[in-house]
């Protein structure tokens, strides 16, 4: 795989991830506004409703769609790093393979530690 081909695939991967995330968040936002748009907002207190994966059962369906879109947005650069890891493995570039593996491990650990 040439560097130009890898750059093209990574660019398309990032573009597709951002477009998909934007579409899902927009759909969830429209659904949320159509269902709860007339409710009066209470800005005096911040109500943090989500505390890990188990609390996702307590959010409404439109909020869950928005969270799925945000998860897609977060997963997009992680997928880019995973693709780079596979590309460096195919090229047998051990230095970049090790660096990319370390970056992927840190990303996965950070995301999992934040959710549990």
PDB file of N, CA and C in Angstrom:
ATOM      1  N   UNK A   1       0.850  -1.174   0.000  1.00  0.00           N
ATOM      2  CA  UNK A   1       0.000   0.000   0.000  1.00  0.00           C
ATOM      3  C   UNK A   1       0.898   1.240   0.000  1.00  0.00           C
ATOM      4  N   UNK A   2       0.618   2.143  -0.903  1.00  0.00           N
ATOM      5  CA  UNK A   2       1.417   3.359  -0.986  1.00  0.00           C
ATOM      6  C   UNK A   2       0.938   4.371   0.047  1.00  0.00           C
ATOM      7  N   UNK A   3       1.792   5.337   0.321  1.00  0.00           N
ATOM      8  CA  UNK A   3       1.430   6.376   1.282  1.00  0.00           C
ATOM      9  C   UNK A   3       0.245   7.197   0.795  1.00  0.00           C
ATOM     10  N   UNK A   4       0.188   7.463  -0.508  1.00  0.00           N
ATOM     11  CA  UNK A   4      -0.929   8.232  -1.055  1.00  0.00           C
ATOM     12  C   UNK A   4      -2.250   7.473  -0.891  1.00  0.00           C
ATOM     13  N   UNK A   5      -2.212   6.175  -1.131  1.00  0.00           N
ATOM     14  CA  UNK A   5      -3.423   5.343  -0.976  1.00  0.00           C
ATOM     15  C   UNK A   5      -3.857   5.318   0.487  1.00  0.00           C
ATOM     16  N   UNK A   6      -2.898   5.186   1.398  1.00  0.00           N
ATOM     17  CA  UNK A   6      -3.222   5.178   2.817  1.00  0.00           C
ATOM     18  C   UNK A   6      -3.816   6.523   3.246  1.00  0.00           C
ATOM     19  N   UNK A   7      -3.249   7.625   2.773  1.00  0.00           N
ATOM     20  CA  UNK A   7      -3.784   8.945   3.094  1.00  0.00           C
ATOM     21  C   UNK A   7      -5.203   9.119   2.560  1.00  0.00           C
ATOM     22  N   UNK A   8      -5.460   8.607   1.379  1.00  0.00           N
ATOM     23  CA  UNK A   8      -6.789   8.705   0.792  1.00  0.00           C
ATOM     24  C   UNK A   8      -7.809   7.912   1.602  1.00  0.00           C
ATOM     25  N   UNK A   9      -7.445   6.715   2.000  1.00  0.00           N
ATOM     26  CA  UNK A   9      -8.355   5.879   2.791  1.00  0.00           C
ATOM     27  C   UNK A   9      -8.609   6.519   4.154  1.00  0.00           C
ATOM     28  N   UNK A  10      -7.575   7.027   4.787  1.00  0.00           N
ATOM     29  CA  UNK A  10      -7.736   7.663   6.097  1.00  0.00           C
ATOM     30  C   UNK A  10      -8.602   8.914   5.976  1.00  0.00           C
ATOM     31  N   UNK A  11      -8.387   9.713   4.935  1.00  0.00           N
ATOM     32  CA  UNK A  11      -9.210  10.900   4.730  1.00  0.00           C
ATOM     33  C   UNK A  11     -10.668  10.554   4.527  1.00  0.00           C
ATOM     34  N   UNK A  12     -10.931   9.518   3.732  1.00  0.00           N
ATOM     35  CA  UNK A  12     -12.313   9.085   3.522  1.00  0.00           C
ATOM     36  C   UNK A  12     -12.932   8.522   4.797  1.00  0.00           C
ATOM     37  N   UNK A  13     -12.139   7.806   5.579  1.00  0.00           N
ATOM     38  CA  UNK A  13     -12.620   7.263   6.844  1.00  0.00           C
ATOM     39  C   UNK A  13     -13.023   8.390   7.794  1.00  0.00           C
ATOM     40  N   UNK A  14     -12.173   9.391   7.921  1.00  0.00           N
ATOM     41  CA  UNK A  14     -12.482  10.517   8.802  1.00  0.00           C
ATOM     42  C   UNK A  14     -13.698  11.295   8.300  1.00  0.00           C
ATOM     43  N   UNK A  15     -13.760  11.523   7.009  1.00  0.00           N
ATOM     44  CA  UNK A  15     -14.892  12.254   6.427  1.00  0.00           C
ATOM     45  C   UNK A  15     -16.196  11.499   6.651  1.00  0.00           C
ATOM     46  N   UNK A  16     -16.199  10.204   6.391  1.00  0.00           N
ATOM     47  CA  UNK A  16     -17.410   9.395   6.566  1.00  0.00           C
ATOM     48  C   UNK A  16     -17.839   9.359   8.030  1.00  0.00           C
ATOM     49  N   UNK A  17     -16.875   9.268   8.941  1.00  0.00           N
ATOM     50  CA  UNK A  17     -17.209   9.243  10.358  1.00  0.00           C
ATOM     51  C   UNK A  17     -17.834  10.543  10.832  1.00  0.00           C
ATOM     52  N   UNK A  18     -17.292  11.661  10.394  1.00  0.00           N
ATOM     53  CA  UNK A  18     -17.832  12.960  10.808  1.00  0.00           C
ATOM     54  C   UNK A  18     -19.207  13.180  10.195  1.00  0.00           C
ATOM     55  N   UNK A  19     -19.390  12.821   8.925  1.00  0.00           N
ATOM     56  CA  UNK A  19     -20.697  12.987   8.287  1.00  0.00           C
ATOM     57  C   UNK A  19     -21.734  12.090   8.949  1.00  0.00           C
ATOM     58  N   UNK A  20     -21.378  10.850   9.244  1.00  0.00           N
ATOM     59  CA  UNK A  20     -22.314   9.934   9.907  1.00  0.00           C
ATOM     60  C   UNK A  20     -22.674  10.443  11.298  1.00  0.00           C
ATOM     61  N   UNK A  21     -21.677  10.903  12.048  1.00  0.00           N
ATOM     62  CA  UNK A  21     -21.947  11.421  13.393  1.00  0.00           C
ATOM     63  C   UNK A  21     -22.845  12.651  13.333  1.00  0.00           C
ATOM     64  N   UNK A  22     -22.582  13.550  12.392  1.00  0.00           N
ATOM     65  CA  UNK A  22     -23.406  14.750  12.264  1.00  0.00           C
ATOM     66  C   UNK A  22     -24.845  14.398  11.904  1.00  0.00           C
ATOM     67  N   UNK A  23     -25.017  13.428  11.015  1.00  0.00           N
ATOM     68  CA  UNK A  23     -26.366  13.028  10.617  1.00  0.00           C
ATOM     69  C   UNK A  23     -27.137  12.409  11.779  1.00  0.00           C
ATOM     70  N   UNK A  24     -26.468  11.558  12.556  1.00  0.00           N
ATOM     71  CA  UNK A  24     -27.139  10.907  13.686  1.00  0.00           C
ATOM     72  C   UNK A  24     -27.465  11.925  14.776  1.00  0.00           C
ATOM     73  N   UNK A  25     -26.534  12.822  15.078  1.00  0.00           N
ATOM     74  CA  UNK A  25     -26.800  13.850  16.093  1.00  0.00           C
ATOM     75  C   UNK A  25     -27.915  14.783  15.626  1.00  0.00           C
ATOM     76  N   UNK A  26     -27.904  15.161  14.362  1.00  0.00           N
ATOM     77  CA  UNK A  26     -28.963  16.036  13.845  1.00  0.00           C
ATOM     78  C   UNK A  26     -30.324  15.346  13.912  1.00  0.00           C
ATOM     79  N   UNK A  27     -30.370  14.066  13.543  1.00  0.00           N
ATOM     80  CA  UNK A  27     -31.633  13.330  13.619  1.00  0.00           C
ATOM     81  C   UNK A  27     -32.122  13.240  15.066  1.00  0.00           C
ATOM     82  N   UNK A  28     -31.203  12.948  15.983  1.00  0.00           N
ATOM     83  CA  UNK A  28     -31.581  12.893  17.394  1.00  0.00           C
ATOM     84  C   UNK A  28     -32.000  14.253  17.928  1.00  0.00           C
ATOM     85  N   UNK A  29     -31.331  15.306  17.483  1.00  0.00           N
ATOM     86  CA  UNK A  29     -31.694  16.649  17.914  1.00  0.00           C
ATOM     87  C   UNK A  29     -33.062  17.067  17.419  1.00  0.00           C
ATOM     88  N   UNK A  30     -33.358  16.746  16.164  1.00  0.00           N
ATOM     89  CA  UNK A  30     -34.693  17.058  15.619  1.00  0.00           C
ATOM     90  C   UNK A  30     -35.767  16.274  16.360  1.00  0.00           C
ATOM     91  N   UNK A  31     -35.475  14.995  16.616  1.00  0.00           N
ATOM     92  CA  UNK A  31     -36.427  14.166  17.356  1.00  0.00           C
ATOM     93  C   UNK A  31     -36.635  14.718  18.763  1.00  0.00           C
ATOM     94  N   UNK A  32     -35.534  15.097  19.418  1.00  0.00           N
ATOM     95  CA  UNK A  32     -35.619  15.644  20.775  1.00  0.00           C
ATOM     96  C   UNK A  32     -36.430  16.939  20.798  1.00  0.00           C
ATOM     97  N   UNK A  33     -36.178  17.841  19.852  1.00  0.00           N
ATOM     98  CA  UNK A  33     -36.904  19.108  19.818  1.00  0.00           C
ATOM     99  C   UNK A  33     -38.369  18.916  19.478  1.00  0.00           C
ATOM    100  N   UNK A  34     -38.664  17.945  18.626  1.00  0.00           N
ATOM    101  CA  UNK A  34     -40.071  17.710  18.298  1.00  0.00           C
ATOM    102  C   UNK A  34     -40.821  17.072  19.467  1.00  0.00           C
ATOM    103  N   UNK A  35     -40.120  16.303  20.299  1.00  0.00           N
ATOM    104  CA  UNK A  35     -40.776  15.648  21.429  1.00  0.00           C
ATOM    105  C   UNK A  35     -40.801  16.532  22.676  1.00  0.00           C
ATOM    106  N   UNK A  36     -39.686  17.203  22.981  1.00  0.00           N
ATOM    107  CA  UNK A  36     -39.572  17.955  24.230  1.00  0.00           C
ATOM    108  C   UNK A  36     -39.221  19.419  24.011  1.00  0.00           C
ATOM    109  N   UNK A  37     -39.416  19.938  22.836  1.00  0.00           N
ATOM    110  CA  UNK A  37     -38.971  21.290  22.517  1.00  0.00           C
ATOM    111  C   UNK A  37     -39.723  22.394  23.227  1.00  0.00           C
ATOM    112  N   UNK A  38     -40.925  22.122  23.681  1.00  0.00           N
ATOM    113  CA  UNK A  38     -41.723  23.165  24.330  1.00  0.00           C
ATOM    114  C   UNK A  38     -41.579  23.170  25.847  1.00  0.00           C
ATOM    115  N   UNK A  39     -40.794  22.262  26.377  1.00  0.00           N
ATOM    116  CA  UNK A  39     -40.576  22.216  27.826  1.00  0.00           C
ATOM    117  C   UNK A  39     -39.716  23.397  28.254  1.00  0.00           C
ATOM    118  N   UNK A  40     -39.987  23.930  29.408  1.00  0.00           N
ATOM    119  CA  UNK A  40     -39.224  25.056  29.931  1.00  0.00           C
ATOM    120  C   UNK A  40     -37.942  24.517  30.563  1.00  0.00           C
ATOM    121  N   UNK A  41     -36.828  25.073  30.130  1.00  0.00           N
ATOM    122  CA  UNK A  41     -35.526  24.610  30.623  1.00  0.00           C
ATOM    123  C   UNK A  41     -35.219  25.237  31.975  1.00  0.00           C
ATOM    124  N   UNK A  42     -34.619  24.436  32.864  1.00  0.00           N
ATOM    125  CA  UNK A  42     -34.184  24.912  34.175  1.00  0.00           C
ATOM    126  C   UNK A  42     -32.671  25.104  34.125  1.00  0.00           C
ATOM    127  N   UNK A  43     -32.236  26.364  33.992  1.00  0.00           N
ATOM    128  CA  UNK A  43     -30.810  26.657  33.880  1.00  0.00           C
ATOM    129  C   UNK A  43     -30.162  26.967  35.222  1.00  0.00           C
ATOM    130  N   UNK A  44     -30.892  26.890  36.296  1.00  0.00           N
ATOM    131  CA  UNK A  44     -30.330  27.208  37.611  1.00  0.00           C
ATOM    132  C   UNK A  44     -29.441  26.085  38.132  1.00  0.00           C
ATOM    133  N   UNK A  45     -29.770  24.868  37.787  1.00  0.00           N
ATOM    134  CA  UNK A  45     -29.017  23.715  38.278  1.00  0.00           C
ATOM    135  C   UNK A  45     -28.663  22.807  37.110  1.00  0.00           C
ATOM    136  N   UNK A  46     -27.449  22.283  37.164  1.00  0.00           N
ATOM    137  CA  UNK A  46     -27.019  21.322  36.155  1.00  0.00           C
ATOM    138  C   UNK A  46     -27.375  19.930  36.642  1.00  0.00           C
ATOM    139  N   UNK A  47     -28.107  19.199  35.830  1.00  0.00           N
ATOM    140  CA  UNK A  47     -28.525  17.844  36.182  1.00  0.00           C
ATOM    141  C   UNK A  47     -27.750  16.863  35.321  1.00  0.00           C
ATOM    142  N   UNK A  48     -26.686  16.321  35.875  1.00  0.00           N
ATOM    143  CA  UNK A  48     -25.899  15.323  35.155  1.00  0.00           C
ATOM    144  C   UNK A  48     -26.600  13.988  35.292  1.00  0.00           C
ATOM    145  N   UNK A  49     -27.155  13.515  34.189  1.00  0.00           N
ATOM    146  CA  UNK A  49     -27.980  12.310  34.236  1.00  0.00           C
ATOM    147  C   UNK A  49     -27.233  11.041  33.884  1.00  0.00           C
ATOM    148  N   UNK A  50     -26.110  11.144  33.216  1.00  0.00           N
ATOM    149  CA  UNK A  50     -25.440   9.956  32.695  1.00  0.00           C
ATOM    150  C   UNK A  50     -24.169   9.691  33.497  1.00  0.00           C
ATOM    151  N   UNK A  51     -24.140   8.549  34.155  1.00  0.00           N
ATOM    152  CA  UNK A  51     -22.982   8.131  34.946  1.00  0.00           C
ATOM    153  C   UNK A  51     -22.574   6.731  34.527  1.00  0.00           C
ATOM    154  N   UNK A  52     -22.018   6.585  33.343  1.00  0.00           N
ATOM    155  CA  UNK A  52     -21.574   5.284  32.878  1.00  0.00           C
ATOM    156  C   UNK A  52     -22.595   4.613  31.976  1.00  0.00           C
ATOM    157  N   UNK A  53     -22.256   3.425  31.536  1.00  0.00           N
ATOM    158  CA  UNK A  53     -23.069   2.711  30.556  1.00  0.00           C
ATOM    159  C   UNK A  53     -24.403   2.283  31.145  1.00  0.00           C
ATOM    160  N   UNK A  54     -24.426   1.899  32.395  1.00  0.00           N
ATOM    161  CA  UNK A  54     -25.668   1.414  33.004  1.00  0.00           C
ATOM    162  C   UNK A  54     -26.759   2.475  33.050  1.00  0.00           C
ATOM    163  N   UNK A  55     -26.389   3.730  33.123  1.00  0.00           N
ATOM    164  CA  UNK A  55     -27.392   4.787  33.218  1.00  0.00           C
ATOM    165  C   UNK A  55     -28.007   5.143  31.873  1.00  0.00           C
ATOM    166  N   UNK A  56     -27.527   4.534  30.793  1.00  0.00           N
ATOM    167  CA  UNK A  56     -28.116   4.819  29.485  1.00  0.00           C
ATOM    168  C   UNK A  56     -29.560   4.357  29.391  1.00  0.00           C
ATOM    169  N   UNK A  57     -29.956   3.433  30.238  1.00  0.00           N
ATOM    170  CA  UNK A  57     -31.341   2.965  30.239  1.00  0.00           C
ATOM    171  C   UNK A  57     -32.289   4.045  30.734  1.00  0.00           C
ATOM    172  N   UNK A  58     -31.782   5.046  31.434  1.00  0.00           N
ATOM    173  CA  UNK A  58     -32.659   6.071  32.014  1.00  0.00           C
ATOM    174  C   UNK A  58     -32.861   7.279  31.105  1.00  0.00           C
ATOM    175  N   UNK A  59     -32.137   7.387  30.002  1.00  0.00           N
ATOM    176  CA  UNK A  59     -32.301   8.537  29.118  1.00  0.00           C
ATOM    177  C   UNK A  59     -33.388   8.253  28.096  1.00  0.00           C
ATOM    178  N   UNK A  60     -33.953   9.315  27.547  1.00  0.00           N
ATOM    179  CA  UNK A  60     -34.999   9.145  26.540  1.00  0.00           C
ATOM    180  C   UNK A  60     -34.390   8.683  25.222  1.00  0.00           C
ATOM    181  N   UNK A  61     -35.248   8.194  24.349  1.00  0.00           N
ATOM    182  CA  UNK A  61     -34.774   7.676  23.061  1.00  0.00           C
ATOM    183  C   UNK A  61     -34.082   8.747  22.216  1.00  0.00           C
ATOM    184  N   UNK A  62     -34.619   9.979  22.128  1.00  0.00           N
ATOM    185  CA  UNK A  62     -33.888  10.992  21.348  1.00  0.00           C
ATOM    186  C   UNK A  62     -32.516  11.317  21.935  1.00  0.00           C
ATOM    187  N   UNK A  63     -32.410  11.356  23.254  1.00  0.00           N
ATOM    188  CA  UNK A  63     -31.116  11.604  23.878  1.00  0.00           C
ATOM    189  C   UNK A  63     -30.152  10.460  23.594  1.00  0.00           C
ATOM    190  N   UNK A  64     -30.656   9.245  23.564  1.00  0.00           N
ATOM    191  CA  UNK A  64     -29.817   8.090  23.261  1.00  0.00           C
ATOM    192  C   UNK A  64     -29.296   8.157  21.823  1.00  0.00           C
ATOM    193  N   UNK A  65     -30.115   8.616  20.900  1.00  0.00           N
ATOM    194  CA  UNK A  65     -29.668   8.766  19.514  1.00  0.00           C
ATOM    195  C   UNK A  65     -28.563   9.816  19.436  1.00  0.00           C
ATOM    196  N   UNK A  66     -28.724  10.919  20.159  1.00  0.00           N
ATOM    197  CA  UNK A  66     -27.683  11.950  20.187  1.00  0.00           C
ATOM    198  C   UNK A  66     -26.387  11.385  20.766  1.00  0.00           C
ATOM    199  N   UNK A  67     -26.484  10.613  21.836  1.00  0.00           N
ATOM    200  CA  UNK A  67     -25.296  10.004  22.435  1.00  0.00           C
ATOM    201  C   UNK A  67     -24.628   9.008  21.487  1.00  0.00           C
ATOM    202  N   UNK A  68     -25.417   8.293  20.714  1.00  0.00           N
ATOM    203  CA  UNK A  68     -24.850   7.376  19.725  1.00  0.00           C
ATOM    204  C   UNK A  68     -24.074   8.164  18.677  1.00  0.00           C
ATOM    205  N   UNK A  69     -24.628   9.297  18.240  1.00  0.00           N
ATOM    206  CA  UNK A  69     -23.918  10.138  17.284  1.00  0.00           C
ATOM    207  C   UNK A  69     -22.620  10.669  17.839  1.00  0.00           C
ATOM    208  N   UNK A  70     -22.623  11.071  19.107  1.00  0.00           N
ATOM    209  CA  UNK A  70     -21.389  11.540  19.740  1.00  0.00           C
ATOM    210  C   UNK A  70     -20.383  10.411  19.904  1.00  0.00           C
ATOM    211  N   UNK A  71     -20.871   9.208  20.151  1.00  0.00           N
ATOM    212  CA  UNK A  71     -19.984   8.049  20.235  1.00  0.00           C
ATOM    213  C   UNK A  71     -19.336   7.757  18.876  1.00  0.00           C
ATOM    214  N   UNK A  72     -20.109   7.906  17.810  1.00  0.00           N
ATOM    215  CA  UNK A  72     -19.539   7.749  16.466  1.00  0.00           C
ATOM    216  C   UNK A  72     -18.452   8.789  16.235  1.00  0.00           C
ATOM    217  N   UNK A  73     -18.713  10.022  16.678  1.00  0.00           N
ATOM    218  CA  UNK A  73     -17.724  11.088  16.514  1.00  0.00           C
ATOM    219  C   UNK A  73     -16.440  10.781  17.276  1.00  0.00           C
ATOM    220  N   UNK A  74     -16.565  10.239  18.480  1.00  0.00           N
ATOM    221  CA  UNK A  74     -15.388   9.875  19.268  1.00  0.00           C
ATOM    222  C   UNK A  74     -14.674   8.668  18.659  1.00  0.00           C
ATOM    223  N   UNK A  75     -15.443   7.736  18.105  1.00  0.00           N
ATOM    224  CA  UNK A  75     -14.857   6.518  17.546  1.00  0.00           C
ATOM    225  C   UNK A  75     -14.135   6.763  16.223  1.00  0.00           C
ATOM    226  N   UNK A  76     -14.424   7.874  15.556  1.00  0.00           N
ATOM    227  CA  UNK A  76     -13.822   8.133  14.248  1.00  0.00           C
ATOM    228  C   UNK A  76     -12.294   8.240  14.310  1.00  0.00           C
ATOM    229  N   UNK A  77     -11.708   9.071  15.177  1.00  0.00           N
ATOM    230  CA  UNK A  77     -10.246   9.094  15.226  1.00  0.00           C
ATOM    231  C   UNK A  77      -9.642   7.802  15.787  1.00  0.00           C
ATOM    232  N   UNK A  78     -10.388   7.107  16.626  1.00  0.00           N
ATOM    233  CA  UNK A  78      -9.896   5.820  17.130  1.00  0.00           C
ATOM    234  C   UNK A  78      -9.820   4.816  15.981  1.00  0.00           C
ATOM    235  N   UNK A  79     -10.826   4.842  15.092  1.00  0.00           N
ATOM    236  CA  UNK A  79     -10.803   3.972  13.916  1.00  0.00           C
ATOM    237  C   UNK A  79      -9.646   4.342  12.996  1.00  0.00           C
ATOM    238  N   UNK A  80      -9.317   5.604  12.924  1.00  0.00           N
ATOM    239  CA  UNK A  80      -8.186   6.051  12.113  1.00  0.00           C
ATOM    240  C   UNK A  80      -6.883   5.475  12.641  1.00  0.00           C
ATOM    241  N   UNK A  81      -6.731   5.489  13.960  1.00  0.00           N
ATOM    242  CA  UNK A  81      -5.520   4.930  14.565  1.00  0.00           C
ATOM    243  C   UNK A  81      -5.476   3.417  14.350  1.00  0.00           C
ATOM    244  N   UNK A  82      -6.626   2.756  14.473  1.00  0.00           N
ATOM    245  CA  UNK A  82      -6.674   1.305  14.248  1.00  0.00           C
ATOM    246  C   UNK A  82      -6.334   0.965  12.798  1.00  0.00           C
ATOM    247  N   UNK A  83      -6.842   1.765  11.855  1.00  0.00           N
ATOM    248  CA  UNK A  83      -6.495   1.540  10.455  1.00  0.00           C
ATOM    249  C   UNK A  83      -5.006   1.766  10.227  1.00  0.00           C
ATOM    250  N   UNK A  84      -4.457   2.799  10.833  1.00  0.00           N
ATOM    251  CA  UNK A  84      -3.023   3.063  10.691  1.00  0.00           C
ATOM    252  C   UNK A  84      -2.200   1.903  11.244  1.00  0.00           C
ATOM    253  N   UNK A  85      -2.672   1.333  12.351  1.00  0.00           N
ATOM    254  CA  UNK A  85      -1.986   0.179  12.935  1.00  0.00           C
ATOM    255  C   UNK A  85      -1.951  -0.979  11.937  1.00  0.00           C
ATOM    256  N   UNK A  86      -3.090  -1.247  11.297  1.00  0.00           N
ATOM    257  CA  UNK A  86      -3.139  -2.327  10.309  1.00  0.00           C
ATOM    258  C   UNK A  86      -2.253  -2.010   9.096  1.00  0.00           C
ATOM    259  N   UNK A  87      -2.256  -0.756   8.666  1.00  0.00           N
ATOM    260  CA  UNK A  87      -1.448  -0.369   7.509  1.00  0.00           C
ATOM    261  C   UNK A  87       0.043  -0.503   7.817  1.00  0.00           C
ATOM    262  N   UNK A  88       0.463  -0.088   9.010  1.00  0.00           N
ATOM    263  CA  UNK A  88       1.867  -0.223   9.377  1.00  0.00           C
ATOM    264  C   UNK A  88       2.260  -1.685   9.545  1.00  0.00           C
ATOM    265  N   UNK A  89       1.317  -2.514   9.980  1.00  0.00           N
ATOM    266  CA  UNK A  89       1.606  -3.949  10.083  1.00  0.00           C
ATOM    267  C   UNK A  89       1.798  -4.557   8.694  1.00  0.00           C
ATOM    268  N   UNK A  90       0.979  -4.133   7.736  1.00  0.00           N
ATOM    269  CA  UNK A  90       1.137  -4.638   6.368  1.00  0.00           C
ATOM    270  C   UNK A  90       2.452  -4.185   5.747  1.00  0.00           C
ATOM    271  N   UNK A  91       2.875  -2.975   6.085  1.00  0.00           N
ATOM    272  CA  UNK A  91       4.142  -2.456   5.572  1.00  0.00           C
ATOM    273  C   UNK A  91       5.348  -3.002   6.333  1.00  0.00           C
ATOM    274  N   UNK A  92       5.089  -3.670   7.444  1.00  0.00           N
ATOM    275  CA  UNK A  92       6.125  -4.217   8.327  1.00  0.00           C
ATOM    276  C   UNK A  92       7.046  -3.119   8.872  1.00  0.00           C
ATOM    277  N   UNK A  93       6.448  -1.992   9.198  1.00  0.00           N
ATOM    278  CA  UNK A  93       7.185  -0.866   9.782  1.00  0.00           C
ATOM    279  C   UNK A  93       7.044  -0.969  11.303  1.00  0.00           C
ATOM    280  N   UNK A  94       8.022  -1.569  11.934  1.00  0.00           N
ATOM    281  CA  UNK A  94       7.923  -1.890  13.363  1.00  0.00           C
ATOM    282  C   UNK A  94       7.944  -0.673  14.263  1.00  0.00           C
ATOM    283  N   UNK A  95       8.669   0.360  13.899  1.00  0.00           N
ATOM    284  CA  UNK A  95       8.739   1.556  14.743  1.00  0.00           C
ATOM    285  C   UNK A  95       7.366   2.216  14.818  1.00  0.00           C
ATOM    286  N   UNK A  96       6.773   2.507  13.657  1.00  0.00           N
ATOM    287  CA  UNK A  96       5.459   3.143  13.643  1.00  0.00           C
ATOM    288  C   UNK A  96       4.375   2.203  14.150  1.00  0.00           C
ATOM    289  N   UNK A  97       4.555   0.923  13.960  1.00  0.00           N
ATOM    290  CA  UNK A  97       3.609  -0.052  14.488  1.00  0.00           C
ATOM    291  C   UNK A  97       3.590   0.009  16.013  1.00  0.00           C
ATOM    292  N   UNK A  98       4.759   0.068  16.632  1.00  0.00           N
ATOM    293  CA  UNK A  98       4.826   0.157  18.087  1.00  0.00           C
ATOM    294  C   UNK A  98       4.247   1.453  18.625  1.00  0.00           C
ATOM    295  N   UNK A  99       4.571   2.567  17.959  1.00  0.00           N
ATOM    296  CA  UNK A  99       4.049   3.861  18.405  1.00  0.00           C
ATOM    297  C   UNK A  99       2.528   3.898  18.261  1.00  0.00           C
ATOM    298  N   UNK A 100       2.028   3.424  17.130  1.00  0.00           N
ATOM    299  CA  UNK A 100       0.587   3.438  16.893  1.00  0.00           C
ATOM    300  C   UNK A 100      -0.135   2.489  17.847  1.00  0.00           C
ATOM    301  N   UNK A 101       0.471   1.352  18.152  1.00  0.00           N
ATOM    302  CA  UNK A 101      -0.130   0.427  19.117  1.00  0.00           C
ATOM    303  C   UNK A 101      -0.214   1.061  20.496  1.00  0.00           C
ATOM    304  N   UNK A 102       0.809   1.800  20.876  1.00  0.00           N
ATOM    305  CA  UNK A 102       0.780   2.481  22.177  1.00  0.00           C
ATOM    306  C   UNK A 102      -0.303   3.563  22.198  1.00  0.00           C
ATOM    307  N   UNK A 103      -0.414   4.324  21.117  1.00  0.00           N
ATOM    308  CA  UNK A 103      -1.448   5.362  21.043  1.00  0.00           C
ATOM    309  C   UNK A 103      -2.837   4.730  21.104  1.00  0.00           C
ATOM    310  N   UNK A 104      -3.045   3.635  20.381  1.00  0.00           N
ATOM    311  CA  UNK A 104      -4.345   2.960  20.401  1.00  0.00           C
ATOM    312  C   UNK A 104      -4.652   2.411  21.789  1.00  0.00           C
ATOM    313  N   UNK A 105      -3.675   1.853  22.455  1.00  0.00           N
ATOM    314  CA  UNK A 105      -3.892   1.335  23.805  1.00  0.00           C
ATOM    315  C   UNK A 105      -4.278   2.459  24.767  1.00  0.00           C
ATOM    316  N   UNK A 106      -3.628   3.601  24.650  1.00  0.00           N
ATOM    317  CA  UNK A 106      -3.956   4.742  25.514  1.00  0.00           C
ATOM    318  C   UNK A 106      -5.365   5.245  25.218  1.00  0.00           C
ATOM    319  N   UNK A 107      -5.723   5.332  23.947  1.00  0.00           N
ATOM    320  CA  UNK A 107      -7.075   5.777  23.589  1.00  0.00           C
ATOM    321  C   UNK A 107      -8.144   4.832  24.120  1.00  0.00           C
ATOM    322  N   UNK A 108      -7.950   3.546  23.908  1.00  0.00           N
ATOM    323  CA  UNK A 108      -8.936   2.562  24.370  1.00  0.00           C
ATOM    324  C   UNK A 108      -9.034   2.577  25.887  1.00  0.00           C
ATOM    325  N   UNK A 109      -7.912   2.651  26.572  1.00  0.00           N
ATOM    326  CA  UNK A 109      -7.934   2.709  28.033  1.00  0.00           C
ATOM    327  C   UNK A 109      -8.666   3.959  28.522  1.00  0.00           C
ATOM    328  N   UNK A 110      -8.395   5.097  27.902  1.00  0.00           N
ATOM    329  CA  UNK A 110      -9.035   6.347  28.323  1.00  0.00           C
ATOM    330  C   UNK A 110     -10.538   6.302  28.129  1.00  0.00           C
ATOM    331  N   UNK A 111     -10.956   5.771  27.010  1.00  0.00           N
ATOM    332  CA  UNK A 111     -12.396   5.706  26.736  1.00  0.00           C
ATOM    333  C   UNK A 111     -13.078   4.732  27.689  1.00  0.00           C
ATOM    334  N   UNK A 112     -12.490   3.573  27.894  1.00  0.00           N
ATOM    335  CA  UNK A 112     -13.096   2.593  28.793  1.00  0.00           C
ATOM    336  C   UNK A 112     -13.095   3.073  30.239  1.00  0.00           C
ATOM    337  N   UNK A 113     -12.038   3.738  30.660  1.00  0.00           N
ATOM    338  CA  UNK A 113     -11.977   4.241  32.034  1.00  0.00           C
ATOM    339  C   UNK A 113     -13.019   5.329  32.267  1.00  0.00           C
ATOM    340  N   UNK A 114     -13.337   6.089  31.249  1.00  0.00           N
ATOM    341  CA  UNK A 114     -14.317   7.162  31.407  1.00  0.00           C
ATOM    342  C   UNK A 114     -15.745   6.613  31.488  1.00  0.00           C
ATOM    343  N   UNK A 115     -16.007   5.469  30.853  1.00  0.00           N
ATOM    344  CA  UNK A 115     -17.351   4.938  30.803  1.00  0.00           C
ATOM    345  C   UNK A 115     -17.673   4.005  31.960  1.00  0.00           C
ATOM    346  N   UNK A 116     -16.659   3.454  32.602  1.00  0.00           N
ATOM    347  CA  UNK A 116     -16.970   2.530  33.692  1.00  0.00           C
ATOM    348  C   UNK A 116     -16.483   3.067  34.963  1.00  0.00           C
TER     349      UNK A 116
END
